[in-house]
């Protein structure tokens, strides 16, 4: 673990620079929520542009919900 110069000129552990500090969990979880909400918004908007309602629901489920569910499951599994 190395040290880096901070904005104040003091040496700080490299882990702090990379955001790997104790207590950064809730902030990271909030950032993941924003990413998930943004992804579902974009995919939902794309699904609305499809001509068939069945195609829109299938697209949203396959490209939006399924990958999000997989990522949430994998990240939740790692925390246990």
PDB file of N, CA and C in Angstrom:
ATOM      1  N   UNK A   1       0.856  -1.169   0.000  1.00  0.00           N
ATOM      2  CA  UNK A   1       0.000   0.000   0.000  1.00  0.00           C
ATOM      3  C   UNK A   1       0.900   1.229   0.000  1.00  0.00           C
ATOM      4  N   UNK A   2       0.735   2.059  -1.004  1.00  0.00           N
ATOM      5  CA  UNK A   2       1.579   3.238  -1.123  1.00  0.00           C
ATOM      6  C   UNK A   2       0.924   4.479  -0.563  1.00  0.00           C
ATOM      7  N   UNK A   3       1.662   5.555  -0.644  1.00  0.00           N
ATOM      8  CA  UNK A   3       1.155   6.837  -0.185  1.00  0.00           C
ATOM      9  C   UNK A   3       1.168   7.811  -1.351  1.00  0.00           C
ATOM     10  N   UNK A   4       0.201   8.722  -1.369  1.00  0.00           N
ATOM     11  CA  UNK A   4       0.102   9.740  -2.410  1.00  0.00           C
ATOM     12  C   UNK A   4      -0.053  11.101  -1.754  1.00  0.00           C
ATOM     13  N   UNK A   5       0.337  12.135  -2.470  1.00  0.00           N
ATOM     14  CA  UNK A   5       0.182  13.492  -1.957  1.00  0.00           C
ATOM     15  C   UNK A   5      -1.254  13.942  -2.165  1.00  0.00           C
ATOM     16  N   UNK A   6      -1.867  14.470  -1.116  1.00  0.00           N
ATOM     17  CA  UNK A   6      -3.238  14.964  -1.235  1.00  0.00           C
ATOM     18  C   UNK A   6      -3.211  16.427  -1.672  1.00  0.00           C
ATOM     19  N   UNK A   7      -4.378  17.027  -1.781  1.00  0.00           N
ATOM     20  CA  UNK A   7      -4.478  18.419  -2.217  1.00  0.00           C
ATOM     21  C   UNK A   7      -3.815  19.369  -1.221  1.00  0.00           C
ATOM     22  N   UNK A   8      -3.782  18.984   0.042  1.00  0.00           N
ATOM     23  CA  UNK A   8      -3.164  19.835   1.054  1.00  0.00           C
ATOM     24  C   UNK A   8      -1.660  19.632   1.135  1.00  0.00           C
ATOM     25  N   UNK A   9      -1.147  18.666   0.402  1.00  0.00           N
ATOM     26  CA  UNK A   9       0.280  18.398   0.416  1.00  0.00           C
ATOM     27  C   UNK A   9       0.674  17.307   1.391  1.00  0.00           C
ATOM     28  N   UNK A  10      -0.285  16.871   2.226  1.00  0.00           N
ATOM     29  CA  UNK A  10       0.017  15.812   3.189  1.00  0.00           C
ATOM     30  C   UNK A  10      -0.019  14.461   2.479  1.00  0.00           C
ATOM     31  N   UNK A  11       0.734  13.531   3.002  1.00  0.00           N
ATOM     32  CA  UNK A  11       0.724  12.185   2.433  1.00  0.00           C
ATOM     33  C   UNK A  11      -0.470  11.422   2.964  1.00  0.00           C
ATOM     34  N   UNK A  12      -1.187  10.774   2.057  1.00  0.00           N
ATOM     35  CA  UNK A  12      -2.349   9.985   2.434  1.00  0.00           C
ATOM     36  C   UNK A  12      -2.181   8.585   1.859  1.00  0.00           C
ATOM     37  N   UNK A  13      -2.714   7.573   2.529  1.00  0.00           N
ATOM     38  CA  UNK A  13      -2.632   6.220   1.976  1.00  0.00           C
ATOM     39  C   UNK A  13      -3.320   6.160   0.618  1.00  0.00           C
ATOM     40  N   UNK A  14      -2.775   5.350  -0.281  1.00  0.00           N
ATOM     41  CA  UNK A  14      -3.343   5.220  -1.625  1.00  0.00           C
ATOM     42  C   UNK A  14      -4.766   4.695  -1.578  1.00  0.00           C
ATOM     43  N   UNK A  15      -5.112   3.939  -0.546  1.00  0.00           N
ATOM     44  CA  UNK A  15      -6.466   3.412  -0.437  1.00  0.00           C
ATOM     45  C   UNK A  15      -7.480   4.542  -0.303  1.00  0.00           C
ATOM     46  N   UNK A  16      -7.114   5.627   0.403  1.00  0.00           N
ATOM     47  CA  UNK A  16      -8.033   6.760   0.520  1.00  0.00           C
ATOM     48  C   UNK A  16      -8.231   7.431  -0.831  1.00  0.00           C
ATOM     49  N   UNK A  17      -7.182   7.519  -1.615  1.00  0.00           N
ATOM     50  CA  UNK A  17      -7.290   8.140  -2.926  1.00  0.00           C
ATOM     51  C   UNK A  17      -8.234   7.346  -3.825  1.00  0.00           C
ATOM     52  N   UNK A  18      -8.192   6.026  -3.715  1.00  0.00           N
ATOM     53  CA  UNK A  18      -9.009   5.175  -4.561  1.00  0.00           C
ATOM     54  C   UNK A  18     -10.416   5.004  -4.040  1.00  0.00           C
ATOM     55  N   UNK A  19     -10.746   5.607  -2.920  1.00  0.00           N
ATOM     56  CA  UNK A  19     -12.079   5.491  -2.358  1.00  0.00           C
ATOM     57  C   UNK A  19     -12.284   4.216  -1.566  1.00  0.00           C
ATOM     58  N   UNK A  20     -11.211   3.507  -1.276  1.00  0.00           N
ATOM     59  CA  UNK A  20     -11.312   2.266  -0.520  1.00  0.00           C
ATOM     60  C   UNK A  20     -11.037   2.607   0.942  1.00  0.00           C
ATOM     61  N   UNK A  21     -12.007   3.194   1.581  1.00  0.00           N
ATOM     62  CA  UNK A  21     -11.856   3.568   2.982  1.00  0.00           C
ATOM     63  C   UNK A  21     -13.014   2.979   3.762  1.00  0.00           C
ATOM     64  N   UNK A  22     -12.806   2.827   5.035  1.00  0.00           N
ATOM     65  CA  UNK A  22     -13.861   2.303   5.883  1.00  0.00           C
ATOM     66  C   UNK A  22     -15.011   3.307   5.910  1.00  0.00           C
ATOM     67  N   UNK A  23     -16.228   2.816   5.781  1.00  0.00           N
ATOM     68  CA  UNK A  23     -17.395   3.690   5.808  1.00  0.00           C
ATOM     69  C   UNK A  23     -17.832   4.172   4.435  1.00  0.00           C
ATOM     70  N   UNK A  24     -17.170   3.731   3.368  1.00  0.00           N
ATOM     71  CA  UNK A  24     -17.557   4.162   2.030  1.00  0.00           C
ATOM     72  C   UNK A  24     -18.653   3.287   1.443  1.00  0.00           C
ATOM     73  N   UNK A  25     -19.099   2.259   2.165  1.00  0.00           N
ATOM     74  CA  UNK A  25     -20.105   1.330   1.669  1.00  0.00           C
ATOM     75  C   UNK A  25     -21.436   1.981   1.320  1.00  0.00           C
ATOM     76  N   UNK A  26     -22.061   2.736   2.227  1.00  0.00           N
ATOM     77  CA  UNK A  26     -23.358   3.339   1.908  1.00  0.00           C
ATOM     78  C   UNK A  26     -23.288   4.311   0.730  1.00  0.00           C
ATOM     79  N   UNK A  27     -22.194   5.045   0.597  1.00  0.00           N
ATOM     80  CA  UNK A  27     -22.069   5.964  -0.536  1.00  0.00           C
ATOM     81  C   UNK A  27     -21.977   5.188  -1.837  1.00  0.00           C
ATOM     82  N   UNK A  28     -21.256   4.082  -1.819  1.00  0.00           N
ATOM     83  CA  UNK A  28     -21.129   3.256  -3.016  1.00  0.00           C
ATOM     84  C   UNK A  28     -22.475   2.623  -3.367  1.00  0.00           C
ATOM     85  N   UNK A  29     -23.230   2.211  -2.343  1.00  0.00           N
ATOM     86  CA  UNK A  29     -24.543   1.615  -2.582  1.00  0.00           C
ATOM     87  C   UNK A  29     -25.478   2.641  -3.211  1.00  0.00           C
ATOM     88  N   UNK A  30     -25.416   3.896  -2.745  1.00  0.00           N
ATOM     89  CA  UNK A  30     -26.252   4.943  -3.344  1.00  0.00           C
ATOM     90  C   UNK A  30     -25.869   5.174  -4.792  1.00  0.00           C
ATOM     91  N   UNK A  31     -24.585   5.138  -5.096  1.00  0.00           N
ATOM     92  CA  UNK A  31     -24.137   5.327  -6.468  1.00  0.00           C
ATOM     93  C   UNK A  31     -24.641   4.188  -7.347  1.00  0.00           C
ATOM     94  N   UNK A  32     -24.665   2.969  -6.830  1.00  0.00           N
ATOM     95  CA  UNK A  32     -25.177   1.837  -7.603  1.00  0.00           C
ATOM     96  C   UNK A  32     -26.668   1.984  -7.852  1.00  0.00           C
ATOM     97  N   UNK A  33     -27.406   2.523  -6.878  1.00  0.00           N
ATOM     98  CA  UNK A  33     -28.831   2.740  -7.088  1.00  0.00           C
ATOM     99  C   UNK A  33     -29.060   3.724  -8.229  1.00  0.00           C
ATOM    100  N   UNK A  34     -28.254   4.752  -8.297  1.00  0.00           N
ATOM    101  CA  UNK A  34     -28.400   5.738  -9.367  1.00  0.00           C
ATOM    102  C   UNK A  34     -28.117   5.102 -10.722  1.00  0.00           C
ATOM    103  N   UNK A  35     -27.112   4.253 -10.783  1.00  0.00           N
ATOM    104  CA  UNK A  35     -26.779   3.570 -12.040  1.00  0.00           C
ATOM    105  C   UNK A  35     -27.926   2.657 -12.464  1.00  0.00           C
ATOM    106  N   UNK A  36     -28.491   1.905 -11.523  1.00  0.00           N
ATOM    107  CA  UNK A  36     -29.598   0.997 -11.843  1.00  0.00           C
ATOM    108  C   UNK A  36     -30.816   1.778 -12.315  1.00  0.00           C
ATOM    109  N   UNK A  37     -31.146   2.847 -11.620  1.00  0.00           N
ATOM    110  CA  UNK A  37     -32.301   3.663 -12.018  1.00  0.00           C
ATOM    111  C   UNK A  37     -32.079   4.266 -13.396  1.00  0.00           C
ATOM    112  N   UNK A  38     -30.876   4.764 -13.658  1.00  0.00           N
ATOM    113  CA  UNK A  38     -30.568   5.319 -14.982  1.00  0.00           C
ATOM    114  C   UNK A  38     -30.659   4.276 -16.067  1.00  0.00           C
ATOM    115  N   UNK A  39     -30.116   3.088 -15.812  1.00  0.00           N
ATOM    116  CA  UNK A  39     -30.163   2.006 -16.804  1.00  0.00           C
ATOM    117  C   UNK A  39     -31.609   1.632 -17.120  1.00  0.00           C
ATOM    118  N   UNK A  40     -32.429   1.462 -16.088  1.00  0.00           N
ATOM    119  CA  UNK A  40     -33.826   1.094 -16.321  1.00  0.00           C
ATOM    120  C   UNK A  40     -34.592   2.213 -17.024  1.00  0.00           C
ATOM    121  N   UNK A  41     -34.251   3.462 -16.744  1.00  0.00           N
ATOM    122  CA  UNK A  41     -34.899   4.578 -17.437  1.00  0.00           C
ATOM    123  C   UNK A  41     -34.569   4.557 -18.923  1.00  0.00           C
ATOM    124  N   UNK A  42     -33.300   4.384 -19.250  1.00  0.00           N
ATOM    125  CA  UNK A  42     -32.897   4.365 -20.661  1.00  0.00           C
ATOM    126  C   UNK A  42     -33.525   3.188 -21.383  1.00  0.00           C
ATOM    127  N   UNK A  43     -33.493   2.007 -20.786  1.00  0.00           N
ATOM    128  CA  UNK A  43     -34.073   0.825 -21.414  1.00  0.00           C
ATOM    129  C   UNK A  43     -35.592   0.974 -21.519  1.00  0.00           C
ATOM    130  N   UNK A  44     -36.218   1.550 -20.511  1.00  0.00           N
ATOM    131  CA  UNK A  44     -37.664   1.783 -20.577  1.00  0.00           C
ATOM    132  C   UNK A  44     -38.040   2.748 -21.682  1.00  0.00           C
ATOM    133  N   UNK A  45     -37.238   3.778 -21.864  1.00  0.00           N
ATOM    134  CA  UNK A  45     -37.488   4.727 -22.947  1.00  0.00           C
ATOM    135  C   UNK A  45     -37.319   4.057 -24.305  1.00  0.00           C
ATOM    136  N   UNK A  46     -36.300   3.226 -24.427  1.00  0.00           N
ATOM    137  CA  UNK A  46     -36.109   2.493 -25.682  1.00  0.00           C
ATOM    138  C   UNK A  46     -37.258   1.521 -25.922  1.00  0.00           C
ATOM    139  N   UNK A  47     -37.757   0.893 -24.872  1.00  0.00           N
ATOM    140  CA  UNK A  47     -38.873  -0.041 -25.013  1.00  0.00           C
ATOM    141  C   UNK A  47     -40.138   0.676 -25.460  1.00  0.00           C
ATOM    142  N   UNK A  48     -40.329   1.903 -24.984  1.00  0.00           N
ATOM    143  CA  UNK A  48     -41.511   2.667 -25.401  1.00  0.00           C
ATOM    144  C   UNK A  48     -41.488   3.005 -26.892  1.00  0.00           C
ATOM    145  N   UNK A  49     -40.311   3.044 -27.469  1.00  0.00           N
ATOM    146  CA  UNK A  49     -40.189   3.376 -28.887  1.00  0.00           C
ATOM    147  C   UNK A  49     -40.499   2.195 -29.797  1.00  0.00           C
ATOM    148  N   UNK A  50     -40.620   0.998 -29.237  1.00  0.00           N
ATOM    149  CA  UNK A  50     -40.933  -0.171 -30.054  1.00  0.00           C
ATOM    150  C   UNK A  50     -42.407  -0.154 -30.446  1.00  0.00           C
ATOM    151  N   UNK A  51     -42.705  -0.752 -31.589  1.00  0.00           N
ATOM    152  CA  UNK A  51     -44.063  -0.676 -32.131  1.00  0.00           C
ATOM    153  C   UNK A  51     -45.044  -1.617 -31.437  1.00  0.00           C
ATOM    154  N   UNK A  52     -44.606  -2.777 -31.027  1.00  0.00           N
ATOM    155  CA  UNK A  52     -45.491  -3.763 -30.423  1.00  0.00           C
ATOM    156  C   UNK A  52     -45.371  -3.744 -28.901  1.00  0.00           C
ATOM    157  N   UNK A  53     -46.503  -3.760 -28.190  1.00  0.00           N
ATOM    158  CA  UNK A  53     -46.424  -3.805 -26.721  1.00  0.00           C
ATOM    159  C   UNK A  53     -45.732  -5.078 -26.213  1.00  0.00           C
ATOM    160  N   UNK A  54     -45.966  -6.190 -26.891  1.00  0.00           N
ATOM    161  CA  UNK A  54     -45.304  -7.437 -26.500  1.00  0.00           C
ATOM    162  C   UNK A  54     -43.791  -7.311 -26.669  1.00  0.00           C
ATOM    163  N   UNK A  55     -43.366  -6.730 -27.785  1.00  0.00           N
ATOM    164  CA  UNK A  55     -41.930  -6.543 -28.026  1.00  0.00           C
ATOM    165  C   UNK A  55     -41.333  -5.595 -26.984  1.00  0.00           C
ATOM    166  N   UNK A  56     -42.085  -4.573 -26.588  1.00  0.00           N
ATOM    167  CA  UNK A  56     -41.593  -3.617 -25.597  1.00  0.00           C
ATOM    168  C   UNK A  56     -41.401  -4.294 -24.245  1.00  0.00           C
ATOM    169  N   UNK A  57     -42.383  -5.099 -23.839  1.00  0.00           N
ATOM    170  CA  UNK A  57     -42.274  -5.790 -22.548  1.00  0.00           C
ATOM    171  C   UNK A  57     -41.139  -6.812 -22.585  1.00  0.00           C
ATOM    172  N   UNK A  58     -41.030  -7.550 -23.688  1.00  0.00           N
ATOM    173  CA  UNK A  58     -39.958  -8.542 -23.814  1.00  0.00           C
ATOM    174  C   UNK A  58     -38.592  -7.863 -23.814  1.00  0.00           C
ATOM    175  N   UNK A  59     -38.471  -6.742 -24.520  1.00  0.00           N
ATOM    176  CA  UNK A  59     -37.205  -6.006 -24.566  1.00  0.00           C
ATOM    177  C   UNK A  59     -36.835  -5.494 -23.183  1.00  0.00           C
ATOM    178  N   UNK A  60     -37.811  -4.895 -22.487  1.00  0.00           N
ATOM    179  CA  UNK A  60     -37.541  -4.352 -21.154  1.00  0.00           C
ATOM    180  C   UNK A  60     -37.153  -5.454 -20.181  1.00  0.00           C
ATOM    181  N   UNK A  61     -37.828  -6.594 -20.273  1.00  0.00           N
ATOM    182  CA  UNK A  61     -37.511  -7.709 -19.368  1.00  0.00           C
ATOM    183  C   UNK A  61     -36.154  -8.314 -19.691  1.00  0.00           C
ATOM    184  N   UNK A  62     -35.857  -8.470 -20.974  1.00  0.00           N
ATOM    185  CA  UNK A  62     -34.620  -9.132 -21.365  1.00  0.00           C
ATOM    186  C   UNK A  62     -33.392  -8.261 -21.277  1.00  0.00           C
ATOM    187  N   UNK A  63     -33.521  -7.000 -21.610  1.00  0.00           N
ATOM    188  CA  UNK A  63     -32.361  -6.108 -21.648  1.00  0.00           C
ATOM    189  C   UNK A  63     -32.286  -5.226 -20.402  1.00  0.00           C
ATOM    190  N   UNK A  64     -33.408  -5.017 -19.727  1.00  0.00           N
ATOM    191  CA  UNK A  64     -33.410  -4.151 -18.558  1.00  0.00           C
ATOM    192  C   UNK A  64     -33.413  -4.895 -17.243  1.00  0.00           C
ATOM    193  N   UNK A  65     -34.458  -5.666 -17.005  1.00  0.00           N
ATOM    194  CA  UNK A  65     -34.650  -6.282 -15.699  1.00  0.00           C
ATOM    195  C   UNK A  65     -33.705  -7.462 -15.468  1.00  0.00           C
ATOM    196  N   UNK A  66     -33.529  -8.320 -16.462  1.00  0.00           N
ATOM    197  CA  UNK A  66     -32.691  -9.510 -16.277  1.00  0.00           C
ATOM    198  C   UNK A  66     -31.232  -9.159 -15.943  1.00  0.00           C
ATOM    199  N   UNK A  67     -30.569  -8.266 -16.684  1.00  0.00           N
ATOM    200  CA  UNK A  67     -29.194  -7.926 -16.303  1.00  0.00           C
ATOM    201  C   UNK A  67     -29.092  -7.246 -14.941  1.00  0.00           C
ATOM    202  N   UNK A  68     -30.053  -6.386 -14.622  1.00  0.00           N
ATOM    203  CA  UNK A  68     -30.031  -5.721 -13.317  1.00  0.00           C
ATOM    204  C   UNK A  68     -30.202  -6.750 -12.206  1.00  0.00           C
ATOM    205  N   UNK A  69     -31.126  -7.686 -12.392  1.00  0.00           N
ATOM    206  CA  UNK A  69     -31.339  -8.725 -11.381  1.00  0.00           C
ATOM    207  C   UNK A  69     -30.079  -9.574 -11.209  1.00  0.00           C
ATOM    208  N   UNK A  70     -29.408  -9.895 -12.304  1.00  0.00           N
ATOM    209  CA  UNK A  70     -28.182 -10.684 -12.222  1.00  0.00           C
ATOM    210  C   UNK A  70     -27.086  -9.939 -11.463  1.00  0.00           C
ATOM    211  N   UNK A  71     -26.894  -8.666 -11.775  1.00  0.00           N
ATOM    212  CA  UNK A  71     -25.853  -7.880 -11.105  1.00  0.00           C
ATOM    213  C   UNK A  71     -26.169  -7.712  -9.622  1.00  0.00           C
ATOM    214  N   UNK A  72     -27.421  -7.429  -9.290  1.00  0.00           N
ATOM    215  CA  UNK A  72     -27.802  -7.269  -7.884  1.00  0.00           C
ATOM    216  C   UNK A  72     -27.600  -8.585  -7.143  1.00  0.00           C
ATOM    217  N   UNK A  73     -27.960  -9.696  -7.765  1.00  0.00           N
ATOM    218  CA  UNK A  73     -27.782 -10.995  -7.130  1.00  0.00           C
ATOM    219  C   UNK A  73     -26.301 -11.304  -6.909  1.00  0.00           C
ATOM    220  N   UNK A  74     -25.470 -11.039  -7.916  1.00  0.00           N
ATOM    221  CA  UNK A  74     -24.046 -11.324  -7.779  1.00  0.00           C
ATOM    222  C   UNK A  74     -23.383 -10.431  -6.735  1.00  0.00           C
ATOM    223  N   UNK A  75     -23.737  -9.156  -6.711  1.00  0.00           N
ATOM    224  CA  UNK A  75     -23.150  -8.258  -5.721  1.00  0.00           C
ATOM    225  C   UNK A  75     -23.659  -8.580  -4.312  1.00  0.00           C
ATOM    226  N   UNK A  76     -24.905  -8.957  -4.188  1.00  0.00           N
ATOM    227  CA  UNK A  76     -25.453  -9.335  -2.896  1.00  0.00           C
ATOM    228  C   UNK A  76     -24.856 -10.621  -2.388  1.00  0.00           C
ATOM    229  N   UNK A  77     -24.545 -11.524  -3.297  1.00  0.00           N
ATOM    230  CA  UNK A  77     -23.929 -12.798  -2.940  1.00  0.00           C
ATOM    231  C   UNK A  77     -22.508 -12.603  -2.422  1.00  0.00           C
ATOM    232  N   UNK A  78     -21.809 -11.624  -2.969  1.00  0.00           N
ATOM    233  CA  UNK A  78     -20.432 -11.362  -2.556  1.00  0.00           C
ATOM    234  C   UNK A  78     -20.396 -10.784  -1.135  1.00  0.00           C
ATOM    235  N   UNK A  79     -21.428 -10.066  -0.718  1.00  0.00           N
ATOM    236  CA  UNK A  79     -21.443  -9.442   0.610  1.00  0.00           C
ATOM    237  C   UNK A  79     -21.639 -10.442   1.724  1.00  0.00           C
ATOM    238  N   UNK A  80     -22.232 -11.602   1.431  1.00  0.00           N
ATOM    239  CA  UNK A  80     -22.494 -12.586   2.478  1.00  0.00           C
ATOM    240  C   UNK A  80     -21.253 -13.211   2.992  1.00  0.00           C
TER     241      UNK A  80
END
